[in-house]
C-alpha atoms as a PDB file:
ATOM      1  CA  MET A   1     109.364  99.888 140.875  1.00  0.00           C
ATOM      2  CA  ALA A   2     106.046  99.514 139.116  1.00  0.00           C
ATOM      3  CA  GLN A   3     106.184  97.138 136.189  1.00  0.00           C
ATOM      4  CA  LEU A   4     106.373  98.924 132.892  1.00  0.00           C
ATOM      5  CA  LYS A   5     103.868  98.220 130.159  1.00  0.00           C
ATOM      6  CA  ILE A   6     104.142  98.931 126.461  1.00  0.00           C
ATOM      7  CA  VAL A   7     101.164  98.986 124.128  1.00  0.00           C
ATOM      8  CA  ILE A   8     102.084  98.104 120.556  1.00  0.00           C
ATOM      9  CA  GLY A   9     100.505  97.251 117.211  1.00  0.00           C
ATOM     10  CA  ASN A  10     101.114  94.366 114.823  1.00  0.00           C
ATOM     11  CA  LYS A  11     104.736  93.236 114.796  1.00  0.00           C
ATOM     12  CA  LYS A  12     104.511  92.560 111.061  1.00  0.00           C
ATOM     13  CA  TYR A  13     103.828  96.190 110.231  1.00  0.00           C
ATOM     14  CA  SER A  14     104.167  98.661 113.123  1.00  0.00           C
ATOM     15  CA  SER A  15     107.554 100.343 112.778  1.00  0.00           C
ATOM     16  CA  TRP A  16     106.828 102.866 115.525  1.00  0.00           C
ATOM     17  CA  SER A  17     105.918 100.067 117.926  1.00  0.00           C
ATOM     18  CA  LEU A  18     109.237  98.389 117.152  1.00  0.00           C
ATOM     19  CA  ARG A  19     111.098 101.552 118.121  1.00  0.00           C
ATOM     20  CA  GLY A  20     109.496 101.888 121.541  1.00  0.00           C
ATOM     21  CA  TRP A  21     109.814  98.172 122.183  1.00  0.00           C
ATOM     22  CA  LEU A  22     113.521  98.063 121.246  1.00  0.00           C
ATOM     23  CA  ALA A  23     114.351 100.928 123.593  1.00  0.00           C
ATOM     24  CA  LEU A  24     112.512  99.175 126.400  1.00  0.00           C
ATOM     25  CA  LYS A  25     114.248  95.866 125.680  1.00  0.00           C
ATOM     26  CA  HIS A  26     117.609  97.616 125.886  1.00  0.00           C
ATOM     27  CA  VAL A  27     116.772  98.903 129.362  1.00  0.00           C
ATOM     28  CA  GLY A  28     116.663  95.289 130.498  1.00  0.00           C
ATOM     29  CA  VAL A  29     113.865  95.455 133.062  1.00  0.00           C
ATOM     30  CA  PRO A  30     110.743  93.267 133.062  1.00  0.00           C
ATOM     31  CA  PHE A  31     107.771  94.719 131.228  1.00  0.00           C
ATOM     32  CA  GLU A  32     104.326  93.713 130.082  1.00  0.00           C
ATOM     33  CA  GLU A  33     103.555  93.768 126.373  1.00  0.00           C
ATOM     34  CA  ILE A  34     100.036  94.618 125.255  1.00  0.00           C
ATOM     35  CA  LEU A  35      99.530  94.012 121.544  1.00  0.00           C
ATOM     36  CA  ILE A  36      96.461  95.529 119.914  1.00  0.00           C
ATOM     37  CA  PRO A  37      95.789  94.374 116.335  1.00  0.00           C
ATOM     38  CA  LEU A  38      95.506  97.359 114.016  1.00  0.00           C
ATOM     39  CA  ASP A  39      92.787  97.984 111.430  1.00  0.00           C
ATOM     40  CA  GLN A  40      90.177  96.008 113.327  1.00  0.00           C
ATOM     41  CA  PRO A  41      86.647  97.239 114.155  1.00  0.00           C
ATOM     42  CA  ASN A  42      87.561  97.770 117.818  1.00  0.00           C
ATOM     43  CA  THR A  43      91.174  98.914 117.356  1.00  0.00           C
ATOM     44  CA  GLN A  44      90.653 102.576 118.223  1.00  0.00           C
ATOM     45  CA  GLU A  45      88.504 101.703 121.208  1.00  0.00           C
ATOM     46  CA  GLN A  46      91.177  99.361 122.518  1.00  0.00           C
ATOM     47  CA  ILE A  47      94.054 101.806 122.002  1.00  0.00           C
ATOM     48  CA  ALA A  48      92.081 104.653 123.576  1.00  0.00           C
ATOM     49  CA  ARG A  49      92.104 102.719 126.845  1.00  0.00           C
ATOM     50  CA  TYR A  50      95.821 103.429 127.087  1.00  0.00           C
ATOM     51  CA  SER A  51      96.824 106.225 124.689  1.00  0.00           C
ATOM     52  CA  PRO A  52      95.496 109.820 124.712  1.00  0.00           C
ATOM     53  CA  SER A  53      96.532 110.172 121.060  1.00  0.00           C
ATOM     54  CA  GLY A  54      94.853 106.958 119.988  1.00  0.00           C
ATOM     55  CA  ARG A  55      98.143 105.690 118.594  1.00  0.00           C
ATOM     56  CA  VAL A  56     100.830 103.178 119.431  1.00  0.00           C
ATOM     57  CA  PRO A  57     103.309 102.720 120.944  1.00  0.00           C
ATOM     58  CA  THR A  58     102.364 103.881 124.406  1.00  0.00           C
ATOM     59  CA  LEU A  59     104.541 103.326 127.460  1.00  0.00           C
ATOM     60  CA  ILE A  60     102.910 103.060 130.882  1.00  0.00           C
ATOM     61  CA  ASP A  61     105.292 103.638 133.763  1.00  0.00           C
ATOM     62  CA  GLY A  62     103.171 103.625 136.884  1.00  0.00           C
ATOM     63  CA  GLU A  63     101.136 106.817 136.724  1.00  0.00           C
ATOM     64  CA  VAL A  64     103.196 108.165 133.830  1.00  0.00           C
ATOM     65  CA  VAL A  65     101.907 107.587 130.302  1.00  0.00           C
ATOM     66  CA  VAL A  66     104.132 108.331 127.280  1.00  0.00           C
ATOM     67  CA  TRP A  67     102.497 107.989 123.860  1.00  0.00           C
ATOM     68  CA  ASP A  68     105.162 108.742 121.265  1.00  0.00           C
ATOM     69  CA  SER A  69     108.146 106.613 120.262  1.00  0.00           C
ATOM     70  CA  LEU A  70     110.768 109.347 120.533  1.00  0.00           C
ATOM     71  CA  ALA A  71     109.275 110.558 123.812  1.00  0.00           C
ATOM     72  CA  ILE A  72     109.478 106.966 125.064  1.00  0.00           C
ATOM     73  CA  CYS A  73     113.179 106.947 124.178  1.00  0.00           C
ATOM     74  CA  GLU A  74     113.699 110.164 126.126  1.00  0.00           C
ATOM     75  CA  HIS A  75     111.694 108.942 129.105  1.00  0.00           C
ATOM     76  CA  LEU A  76     113.611 105.681 129.322  1.00  0.00           C
ATOM     77  CA  ASN A  77     116.896 107.565 129.107  1.00  0.00           C
ATOM     78  CA  GLU A  78     115.852 109.645 132.120  1.00  0.00           C
ATOM     79  CA  ARG A  79     114.525 106.679 134.084  1.00  0.00           C
ATOM     80  CA  PHE A  80     117.496 104.423 133.417  1.00  0.00           C
ATOM     81  CA  PRO A  81     120.550 106.671 132.936  1.00  0.00           C
ATOM     82  CA  ASP A  82     122.911 103.738 133.507  1.00  0.00           C
ATOM     83  CA  ARG A  83     121.711 102.233 130.212  1.00  0.00           C
ATOM     84  CA  HIS A  84     123.107 105.207 128.252  1.00  0.00           C
ATOM     85  CA  LEU A  85     120.364 105.486 125.647  1.00  0.00           C
ATOM     86  CA  TRP A  86     122.000 108.699 124.444  1.00  0.00           C
ATOM     87  CA  PRO A  87     125.767 109.028 123.869  1.00  0.00           C
ATOM     88  CA  ALA A  88     127.768 110.454 126.764  1.00  0.00           C
ATOM     89  CA  ASP A  89     129.716 112.853 124.545  1.00  0.00           C
ATOM     90  CA  ARG A  90     127.880 116.173 124.135  1.00  0.00           C
ATOM     91  CA  LYS A  91     128.610 116.545 120.411  1.00  0.00           C
ATOM     92  CA  ALA A  92     127.674 112.952 119.640  1.00  0.00           C
ATOM     93  CA  ARG A  93     124.532 113.314 121.731  1.00  0.00           C
ATOM     94  CA  ALA A  94     123.474 116.406 119.800  1.00  0.00           C
ATOM     95  CA  VAL A  95     123.929 114.581 116.490  1.00  0.00           C
ATOM     96  CA  ALA A  96     122.122 111.504 117.805  1.00  0.00           C
ATOM     97  CA  ARG A  97     119.144 113.616 118.840  1.00  0.00           C
ATOM     98  CA  SER A  98     119.173 115.441 115.514  1.00  0.00           C
ATOM     99  CA  ILE A  99     119.139 112.325 113.339  1.00  0.00           C
ATOM    100  CA  SER A 100     116.501 110.754 115.587  1.00  0.00           C
ATOM    101  CA  ALA A 101     114.267 113.787 115.191  1.00  0.00           C
ATOM    102  CA  GLU A 102     114.909 113.779 111.434  1.00  0.00           C
ATOM    103  CA  MET A 103     113.820 110.146 111.265  1.00  0.00           C
ATOM    104  CA  HIS A 104     110.821 110.863 113.448  1.00  0.00           C
ATOM    105  CA  SER A 105     109.476 113.688 111.292  1.00  0.00           C
ATOM    106  CA  GLY A 106     110.835 112.963 107.816  1.00  0.00           C
ATOM    107  CA  PHE A 107     111.270 110.375 105.067  1.00  0.00           C
ATOM    108  CA  GLN A 108     107.604 110.362 104.123  1.00  0.00           C
ATOM    109  CA  ASN A 109     108.215 109.018 100.611  1.00  0.00           C
ATOM    110  CA  LEU A 110     110.125 106.046 101.971  1.00  0.00           C
ATOM    111  CA  ARG A 111     107.400 105.397 104.551  1.00  0.00           C
ATOM    112  CA  ASN A 112     104.709 105.469 101.868  1.00  0.00           C
ATOM    113  CA  ASP A 113     106.455 103.348  99.235  1.00  0.00           C
ATOM    114  CA  LEU A 114     108.421 100.974 101.459  1.00  0.00           C
ATOM    115  CA  SER A 115     105.959 100.207 104.223  1.00  0.00           C
ATOM    116  CA  MET A 116     107.214  97.898 106.940  1.00  0.00           C
ATOM    117  CA  LYS A 117     106.525  94.245 106.131  1.00  0.00           C
ATOM    118  CA  ILE A 118     109.195  92.643 108.245  1.00  0.00           C
ATOM    119  CA  VAL A 119     108.429  89.017 107.361  1.00  0.00           C
ATOM    120  CA  GLU A 120     108.223  89.563 103.611  1.00  0.00           C
ATOM    121  CA  SER A 121     110.730  89.744 100.759  1.00  0.00           C
ATOM    122  CA  ILE A 122     109.679  91.990  97.871  1.00  0.00           C
ATOM    123  CA  PRO A 123     112.783  92.684  95.752  1.00  0.00           C
ATOM    124  CA  THR A 124     112.250  95.992  93.985  1.00  0.00           C
ATOM    125  CA  SER A 125     114.451  97.150  91.130  1.00  0.00           C
ATOM    126  CA  THR A 126     113.205 100.719  90.741  1.00  0.00           C
ATOM    127  CA  PHE A 127     112.200 103.419  93.202  1.00  0.00           C
ATOM    128  CA  ARG A 128     110.727 106.845  92.662  1.00  0.00           C
ATOM    129  CA  PRO A 129     113.359 109.634  92.605  1.00  0.00           C
ATOM    130  CA  GLU A 130     112.010 111.000  95.891  1.00  0.00           C
ATOM    131  CA  VAL A 131     112.491 107.621  97.535  1.00  0.00           C
ATOM    132  CA  LYS A 132     115.997 107.262  96.108  1.00  0.00           C
ATOM    133  CA  GLU A 133     116.933 110.626  97.593  1.00  0.00           C
ATOM    134  CA  GLU A 134     115.687 109.596 101.012  1.00  0.00           C
ATOM    135  CA  ILE A 135     117.572 106.298 100.777  1.00  0.00           C
ATOM    136  CA  ARG A 136     120.731 108.259  99.920  1.00  0.00           C
ATOM    137  CA  ARG A 137     120.171 110.514 102.919  1.00  0.00           C
ATOM    138  CA  ILE A 138     119.779 107.565 105.296  1.00  0.00           C
ATOM    139  CA  ILE A 139     122.928 105.906 103.988  1.00  0.00           C
ATOM    140  CA  ALA A 140     124.773 109.221 104.399  1.00  0.00           C
ATOM    141  CA  ILE A 141     123.576 109.478 108.007  1.00  0.00           C
ATOM    142  CA  TRP A 142     124.706 105.971 108.820  1.00  0.00           C
ATOM    143  CA  THR A 143     128.084 106.434 107.149  1.00  0.00           C
ATOM    144  CA  ASP A 144     128.784 109.810 108.725  1.00  0.00           C
ATOM    145  CA  CYS A 145     127.848 108.734 112.251  1.00  0.00           C
ATOM    146  CA  ARG A 146     129.835 105.517 112.041  1.00  0.00           C
ATOM    147  CA  GLN A 147     132.906 107.334 110.729  1.00  0.00           C
ATOM    148  CA  ARG A 148     132.794 110.174 113.251  1.00  0.00           C
ATOM    149  CA  PHE A 149     131.460 108.593 116.415  1.00  0.00           C
ATOM    150  CA  ALA A 150     131.577 104.792 116.381  1.00  0.00           C
ATOM    151  CA  GLY A 151     135.216 104.457 117.438  1.00  0.00           C
ATOM    152  CA  GLY A 152     135.481 100.943 116.033  1.00  0.00           C
ATOM    153  CA  LYS A 153     132.314  99.752 117.761  1.00  0.00           C
ATOM    154  CA  PRO A 154     129.368  98.437 115.724  1.00  0.00           C
ATOM    155  CA  PHE A 155     126.610 101.015 116.257  1.00  0.00           C
ATOM    156  CA  LEU A 156     126.051 104.571 115.013  1.00  0.00           C
ATOM    157  CA  PHE A 157     127.627 106.121 118.097  1.00  0.00           C
ATOM    158  CA  GLY A 158     129.732 103.187 119.214  1.00  0.00           C
ATOM    159  CA  ASP A 159     127.440 101.613 121.756  1.00  0.00           C
ATOM    160  CA  PHE A 160     123.750 100.978 121.141  1.00  0.00           C
ATOM    161  CA  SER A 161     121.669 104.138 121.548  1.00  0.00           C
ATOM    162  CA  ASN A 162     118.345 105.739 120.730  1.00  0.00           C
ATOM    163  CA  GLY A 163     119.818 106.640 117.348  1.00  0.00           C
ATOM    164  CA  ASP A 164     119.934 102.940 116.512  1.00  0.00           C
ATOM    165  CA  VAL A 165     116.415 102.494 117.901  1.00  0.00           C
ATOM    166  CA  MET A 166     115.033 105.091 115.509  1.00  0.00           C
ATOM    167  CA  PHE A 167     116.659 103.602 112.402  1.00  0.00           C
ATOM    168  CA  ALA A 168     116.130  99.905 113.173  1.00  0.00           C
ATOM    169  CA  PRO A 169     112.819  99.679 111.248  1.00  0.00           C
ATOM    170  CA  VAL A 170     114.552 101.192 108.218  1.00  0.00           C
ATOM    171  CA  VAL A 171     116.918  98.220 108.219  1.00  0.00           C
ATOM    172  CA  SER A 172     113.849  95.987 108.006  1.00  0.00           C
ATOM    173  CA  ARG A 173     112.420  98.009 105.124  1.00  0.00           C
ATOM    174  CA  PHE A 174     115.696  97.908 103.212  1.00  0.00           C
ATOM    175  CA  ARG A 175     115.830  94.114 103.574  1.00  0.00           C
ATOM    176  CA  THR A 176     112.209  93.631 102.532  1.00  0.00           C
ATOM    177  CA  TYR A 177     112.535  95.679  99.349  1.00  0.00           C
ATOM    178  CA  GLY A 178     116.102  94.720  98.475  1.00  0.00           C
ATOM    179  CA  VAL A 179     117.646  98.177  98.790  1.00  0.00           C
ATOM    180  CA  PRO A 180     121.311  97.703  97.794  1.00  0.00           C
ATOM    181  CA  LEU A 181     123.827  98.582 100.501  1.00  0.00           C
ATOM    182  CA  GLU A 182     127.605  98.548 100.489  1.00  0.00           C
ATOM    183  CA  GLY A 183     130.465  99.086 102.880  1.00  0.00           C
ATOM    184  CA  THR A 184     129.728 100.841 106.144  1.00  0.00           C
ATOM    185  CA  ALA A 185     125.967 100.979 105.564  1.00  0.00           C
ATOM    186  CA  ALA A 186     125.768  97.266 104.751  1.00  0.00           C
ATOM    187  CA  ALA A 187     127.790  96.320 107.827  1.00  0.00           C
ATOM    188  CA  TYR A 188     125.659  98.532 110.044  1.00  0.00           C
ATOM    189  CA  ALA A 189     122.399  97.129 108.685  1.00  0.00           C
ATOM    190  CA  GLU A 190     123.628  93.605 109.331  1.00  0.00           C
ATOM    191  CA  THR A 191     124.560  94.523 112.897  1.00  0.00           C
ATOM    192  CA  ILE A 192     121.071  95.839 113.598  1.00  0.00           C
ATOM    193  CA  TRP A 193     119.342  92.910 111.906  1.00  0.00           C
ATOM    194  CA  LYS A 194     121.290  90.382 113.990  1.00  0.00           C
ATOM    195  CA  LEU A 195     120.449  92.021 117.313  1.00  0.00           C
ATOM    196  CA  PRO A 196     118.817  89.417 119.575  1.00  0.00           C
ATOM    197  CA  ALA A 197     115.935  91.819 120.202  1.00  0.00           C
ATOM    198  CA  MET A 198     115.357  92.287 116.462  1.00  0.00           C
ATOM    199  CA  GLN A 199     115.363  88.553 115.932  1.00  0.00           C
ATOM    200  CA  GLU A 200     112.952  88.099 118.831  1.00  0.00           C
ATOM    201  CA  TRP A 201     110.565  90.642 117.259  1.00  0.00           C
ATOM    202  CA  LEU A 202     110.914  88.950 113.849  1.00  0.00           C
ATOM    203  CA  ALA A 203     110.202  85.504 115.270  1.00  0.00           C
ATOM    204  CA  ALA A 204     107.027  86.790 116.910  1.00  0.00           C
ATOM    205  CA  ALA A 205     105.981  88.561 113.700  1.00  0.00           C
ATOM    206  CA  LYS A 206     106.311  85.333 111.719  1.00  0.00           C
ATOM    207  CA  ILE A 207     103.720  83.553 113.850  1.00  0.00           C
ATOM    208  CA  GLU A 208     101.463  86.538 114.381  1.00  0.00           C
ATOM    209  CA  PRO A 209      97.912  85.803 113.165  1.00  0.00           C
ATOM    210  CA  HIS A 210      96.848  89.424 112.765  1.00  0.00           C
ATOM    211  CA  ARG A 211      96.571  90.802 109.228  1.00  0.00           C
ATOM    212  CA  MET A 212      96.283  94.308 107.807  1.00  0.00           C
ATOM    213  CA  ALA A 213      94.539  94.091 104.440  1.00  0.00           C
ATOM    214  CA  ARG A 214      95.532  97.596 103.301  1.00  0.00           C
ATOM    215  CA  TYR A 215      99.217  96.673 103.599  1.00  0.00           C
ATOM    216  CA  GLU A 216      98.777  93.387 101.782  1.00  0.00           C
ATOM    217  CA  ALA A 217      96.579  94.554  98.924  1.00  0.00           C
ATOM    218  CA  SER A 218      99.631  95.163  96.722  1.00  0.00           C
ATOM    219  CA  PRO A 219     103.404  94.569  96.945  1.00  0.00           C
ATOM    220  CA  ARG A 220     104.000  98.289  97.291  1.00  0.00           C
END
Protein backbone atom coordinates (compact mmCIF):
# COMPACT_ATOMS: atom_id res chain seq x y z
CA MET A 1 0.00 0.00 0.00
CA ALA A 2 1.36 3.39 -0.94
CA GLN A 3 1.79 5.68 2.03
CA LEU A 4 -0.98 8.20 2.32
CA LYS A 5 -0.24 11.89 2.50
CA ILE A 6 -2.44 14.69 3.76
CA VAL A 7 -1.82 18.34 2.97
CA ILE A 8 -3.17 20.67 5.64
CA GLY A 9 -3.07 24.30 6.73
CA ASN A 10 -2.31 25.88 10.09
CA LYS A 11 -3.48 23.76 13.01
CA LYS A 12 -4.42 26.90 14.94
CA TYR A 13 -7.02 27.93 12.40
CA SER A 14 -7.80 25.39 9.66
CA SER A 15 -11.02 23.63 10.64
CA TRP A 16 -11.31 21.83 7.31
CA SER A 17 -7.79 20.47 7.67
CA LEU A 18 -8.70 19.13 11.10
CA ARG A 19 -11.62 17.21 9.61
CA GLY A 20 -9.56 15.42 6.97
CA TRP A 21 -6.77 14.75 9.44
CA LEU A 22 -9.11 13.29 12.09
CA ALA A 23 -10.67 10.89 9.60
CA LEU A 24 -7.22 9.75 8.53
CA LYS A 25 -6.07 9.32 12.13
CA HIS A 26 -9.09 7.14 12.81
CA VAL A 27 -8.13 4.83 9.95
CA GLY A 28 -4.97 4.02 11.88
CA VAL A 29 -2.49 3.63 9.03
CA PRO A 30 0.81 5.51 8.70
CA PHE A 31 0.61 8.74 6.74
CA GLU A 32 2.76 11.73 5.90
CA GLU A 33 1.60 15.16 7.00
CA ILE A 34 2.44 18.15 4.83
CA LEU A 35 1.61 21.44 6.53
CA ILE A 36 1.51 24.56 4.38
CA PRO A 37 1.23 27.85 6.31
CA LEU A 38 -1.75 29.85 5.09
CA ASP A 39 -1.79 33.54 4.17
CA GLN A 40 1.87 33.59 3.18
CA PRO A 41 3.25 35.02 -0.09
CA ASN A 42 3.89 31.53 -1.48
CA THR A 43 0.88 29.73 0.05
CA GLN A 44 -1.13 29.31 -3.15
CA GLU A 45 1.92 28.21 -5.08
CA GLN A 46 2.71 25.59 -2.47
CA ILE A 47 -0.86 24.26 -2.24
CA ALA A 48 -1.19 24.14 -6.02
CA ARG A 49 1.56 21.53 -6.08
CA TYR A 50 -0.89 19.11 -4.49
CA SER A 51 -4.47 20.41 -4.80
CA PRO A 52 -6.34 21.14 -8.06
CA SER A 53 -8.68 23.45 -6.13
CA GLY A 54 -5.88 25.35 -4.45
CA ARG A 55 -7.34 24.52 -1.05
CA VAL A 56 -6.63 22.27 1.90
CA PRO A 57 -7.03 19.58 3.02
CA THR A 58 -5.92 17.35 0.19
CA LEU A 59 -5.44 13.61 0.54
CA ILE A 60 -2.93 11.84 -1.70
CA ASP A 61 -3.45 8.10 -1.93
CA GLY A 62 -0.98 6.86 -4.50
CA GLU A 63 -2.25 8.17 -7.82
CA VAL A 64 -5.56 9.25 -6.30
CA VAL A 65 -5.91 12.86 -5.15
CA VAL A 66 -8.92 13.95 -3.06
CA TRP A 67 -9.20 17.67 -2.32
CA ASP A 68 -12.28 18.16 -0.17
CA SER A 69 -12.79 17.20 3.48
CA LEU A 70 -16.10 15.39 3.02
CA ALA A 71 -14.80 13.64 -0.09
CA ILE A 72 -11.78 12.55 1.97
CA CYS A 73 -14.16 11.06 4.53
CA GLU A 74 -15.97 9.15 1.79
CA HIS A 75 -12.75 7.97 0.18
CA LEU A 76 -11.34 6.68 3.45
CA ASN A 77 -14.59 4.88 4.18
CA GLU A 78 -14.28 3.06 0.85
CA ARG A 79 -10.58 2.30 1.27
CA PHE A 80 -10.85 1.09 4.85
CA PRO A 81 -14.35 -0.37 5.30
CA ASP A 82 -13.27 -2.20 8.46
CA ARG A 83 -12.89 1.17 10.20
CA HIS A 84 -16.63 1.88 9.81
CA LEU A 85 -16.42 5.61 9.12
CA TRP A 86 -20.15 5.56 8.39
CA PRO A 87 -22.69 3.77 10.62
CA ALA A 88 -23.62 0.24 9.58
CA ASP A 89 -27.35 0.84 10.02
CA ARG A 90 -28.92 2.23 6.84
CA LYS A 91 -31.14 4.78 8.60
CA ALA A 92 -28.34 5.99 10.85
CA ARG A 93 -26.01 6.18 7.87
CA ALA A 94 -28.48 8.33 5.95
CA VAL A 95 -28.78 10.74 8.88
CA ALA A 96 -25.01 10.79 9.37
CA ARG A 97 -24.49 11.72 5.73
CA SER A 98 -27.21 14.35 5.92
CA ILE A 99 -25.83 16.15 8.97
CA SER A 100 -22.31 15.93 7.54
CA ALA A 101 -23.46 17.55 4.31
CA GLU A 102 -25.36 20.18 6.30
CA MET A 103 -22.20 21.01 8.23
CA HIS A 104 -20.17 21.03 5.04
CA SER A 105 -22.38 23.54 3.23
CA GLY A 106 -24.05 25.53 6.02
CA PHE A 107 -23.55 27.50 9.23
CA GLN A 108 -21.93 30.44 7.49
CA ASN A 109 -22.74 32.91 10.27
CA LEU A 110 -21.06 30.71 12.85
CA ARG A 111 -18.03 30.27 10.60
CA ASN A 112 -17.72 34.03 10.11
CA ASP A 113 -18.23 35.12 13.72
CA LEU A 114 -16.66 32.19 15.56
CA SER A 115 -13.61 31.45 13.46
CA MET A 116 -11.49 28.54 14.62
CA LYS A 117 -8.79 29.64 17.07
CA ILE A 118 -8.21 26.36 18.84
CA VAL A 119 -5.53 27.57 21.26
CA GLU A 120 -7.37 30.69 22.36
CA SER A 121 -10.06 31.48 24.93
CA ILE A 122 -12.32 34.41 24.01
CA PRO A 123 -15.40 34.25 26.26
CA THR A 124 -18.25 35.95 24.43
CA SER A 125 -21.48 36.92 26.14
CA THR A 126 -23.55 37.94 23.13
CA PHE A 127 -23.94 36.54 19.63
CA ARG A 128 -25.84 37.81 16.64
CA PRO A 129 -29.33 36.26 16.29
CA GLU A 130 -28.22 34.42 13.16
CA VAL A 131 -25.35 32.84 15.06
CA LYS A 132 -27.60 31.90 17.97
CA GLU A 133 -29.94 30.12 15.58
CA GLU A 134 -27.09 28.13 14.09
CA ILE A 135 -25.82 27.22 17.56
CA ARG A 136 -29.33 26.01 18.44
CA ARG A 137 -29.41 23.91 15.28
CA ILE A 138 -26.07 22.27 16.06
CA ILE A 139 -27.13 21.46 19.60
CA ALA A 140 -30.38 19.99 18.23
CA ILE A 141 -28.41 17.81 15.81
CA TRP A 142 -26.14 16.52 18.54
CA THR A 143 -29.02 15.84 20.92
CA ASP A 144 -31.20 14.12 18.33
CA CYS A 145 -28.44 11.86 17.02
CA ARG A 146 -27.28 10.88 20.48
CA GLN A 147 -30.83 10.08 21.60
CA ARG A 148 -31.78 8.10 18.50
CA PHE A 149 -28.59 6.37 17.45
CA ALA A 150 -25.90 6.36 20.15
CA GLY A 151 -27.21 3.35 22.06
CA GLY A 152 -25.39 4.35 25.23
CA LYS A 153 -22.07 4.87 23.45
CA PRO A 154 -20.35 8.27 23.50
CA PHE A 155 -20.49 9.46 19.88
CA LEU A 156 -23.29 10.76 17.64
CA PHE A 157 -23.99 7.33 16.18
CA GLY A 158 -22.55 5.20 18.96
CA ASP A 159 -19.10 4.55 17.60
CA PHE A 160 -16.87 7.25 16.14
CA SER A 161 -17.86 8.13 12.57
CA ASN A 162 -17.54 10.75 9.87
CA GLY A 163 -20.41 12.58 11.56
CA ASP A 164 -18.13 13.22 14.53
CA VAL A 165 -15.30 14.21 12.17
CA MET A 166 -17.43 16.93 10.60
CA PHE A 167 -18.53 18.46 13.91
CA ALA A 168 -15.23 18.20 15.81
CA PRO A 169 -14.06 21.72 14.84
CA VAL A 170 -17.36 23.10 16.12
CA VAL A 171 -16.50 21.72 19.55
CA SER A 172 -13.29 23.75 19.37
CA ARG A 173 -15.17 26.89 18.38
CA PHE A 174 -17.69 26.47 21.19
CA ARG A 175 -14.85 26.14 23.72
CA THR A 176 -12.95 29.14 22.37
CA TYR A 177 -15.94 31.48 22.52
CA GLY A 178 -17.56 30.06 25.64
CA VAL A 179 -20.79 28.86 24.04
CA PRO A 180 -22.86 27.47 26.94
CA LEU A 181 -23.75 23.79 26.66
CA GLU A 182 -25.80 21.55 28.90
CA GLY A 183 -26.76 17.92 29.19
CA THR A 184 -26.28 15.72 26.16
CA ALA A 185 -24.56 18.43 24.10
CA ALA A 186 -22.09 19.24 26.88
CA ALA A 187 -21.23 15.57 27.41
CA TYR A 188 -20.75 15.04 23.69
CA ALA A 189 -18.51 18.09 23.32
CA GLU A 190 -16.36 16.87 26.18
CA THR A 191 -16.05 13.45 24.58
CA ILE A 192 -14.81 14.95 21.32
CA TRP A 193 -12.44 17.37 23.04
CA LYS A 194 -10.80 14.56 25.03
CA LEU A 195 -10.15 12.38 21.99
CA PRO A 196 -6.42 11.56 21.86
CA ALA A 197 -6.33 12.75 18.24
CA MET A 198 -7.91 16.10 19.18
CA GLN A 199 -5.42 16.56 21.98
CA GLU A 200 -2.57 15.67 19.64
CA TRP A 201 -3.76 18.33 17.16
CA LEU A 202 -4.14 20.88 19.99
CA ALA A 203 -0.66 20.19 21.33
CA ALA A 204 0.83 20.76 17.88
CA ALA A 205 -1.22 23.94 17.42
CA LYS A 206 0.12 25.37 20.68
CA ILE A 207 3.72 25.22 19.47
CA GLU A 208 3.01 26.11 15.87
CA PRO A 209 4.98 29.21 14.81
CA HIS A 210 2.76 30.13 11.87
CA ARG A 211 0.44 33.12 12.27
CA MET A 212 -2.54 34.40 10.30
CA ALA A 213 -2.82 38.14 10.86
CA ARG A 214 -6.39 38.43 9.52
CA TYR A 215 -7.61 36.00 12.19
CA GLU A 216 -5.74 37.76 14.97
CA ALA A 217 -6.57 41.35 14.10
CA SER A 218 -9.60 41.29 16.42
CA PRO A 219 -11.14 38.87 18.94
CA ARG A 220 -14.02 38.20 16.59
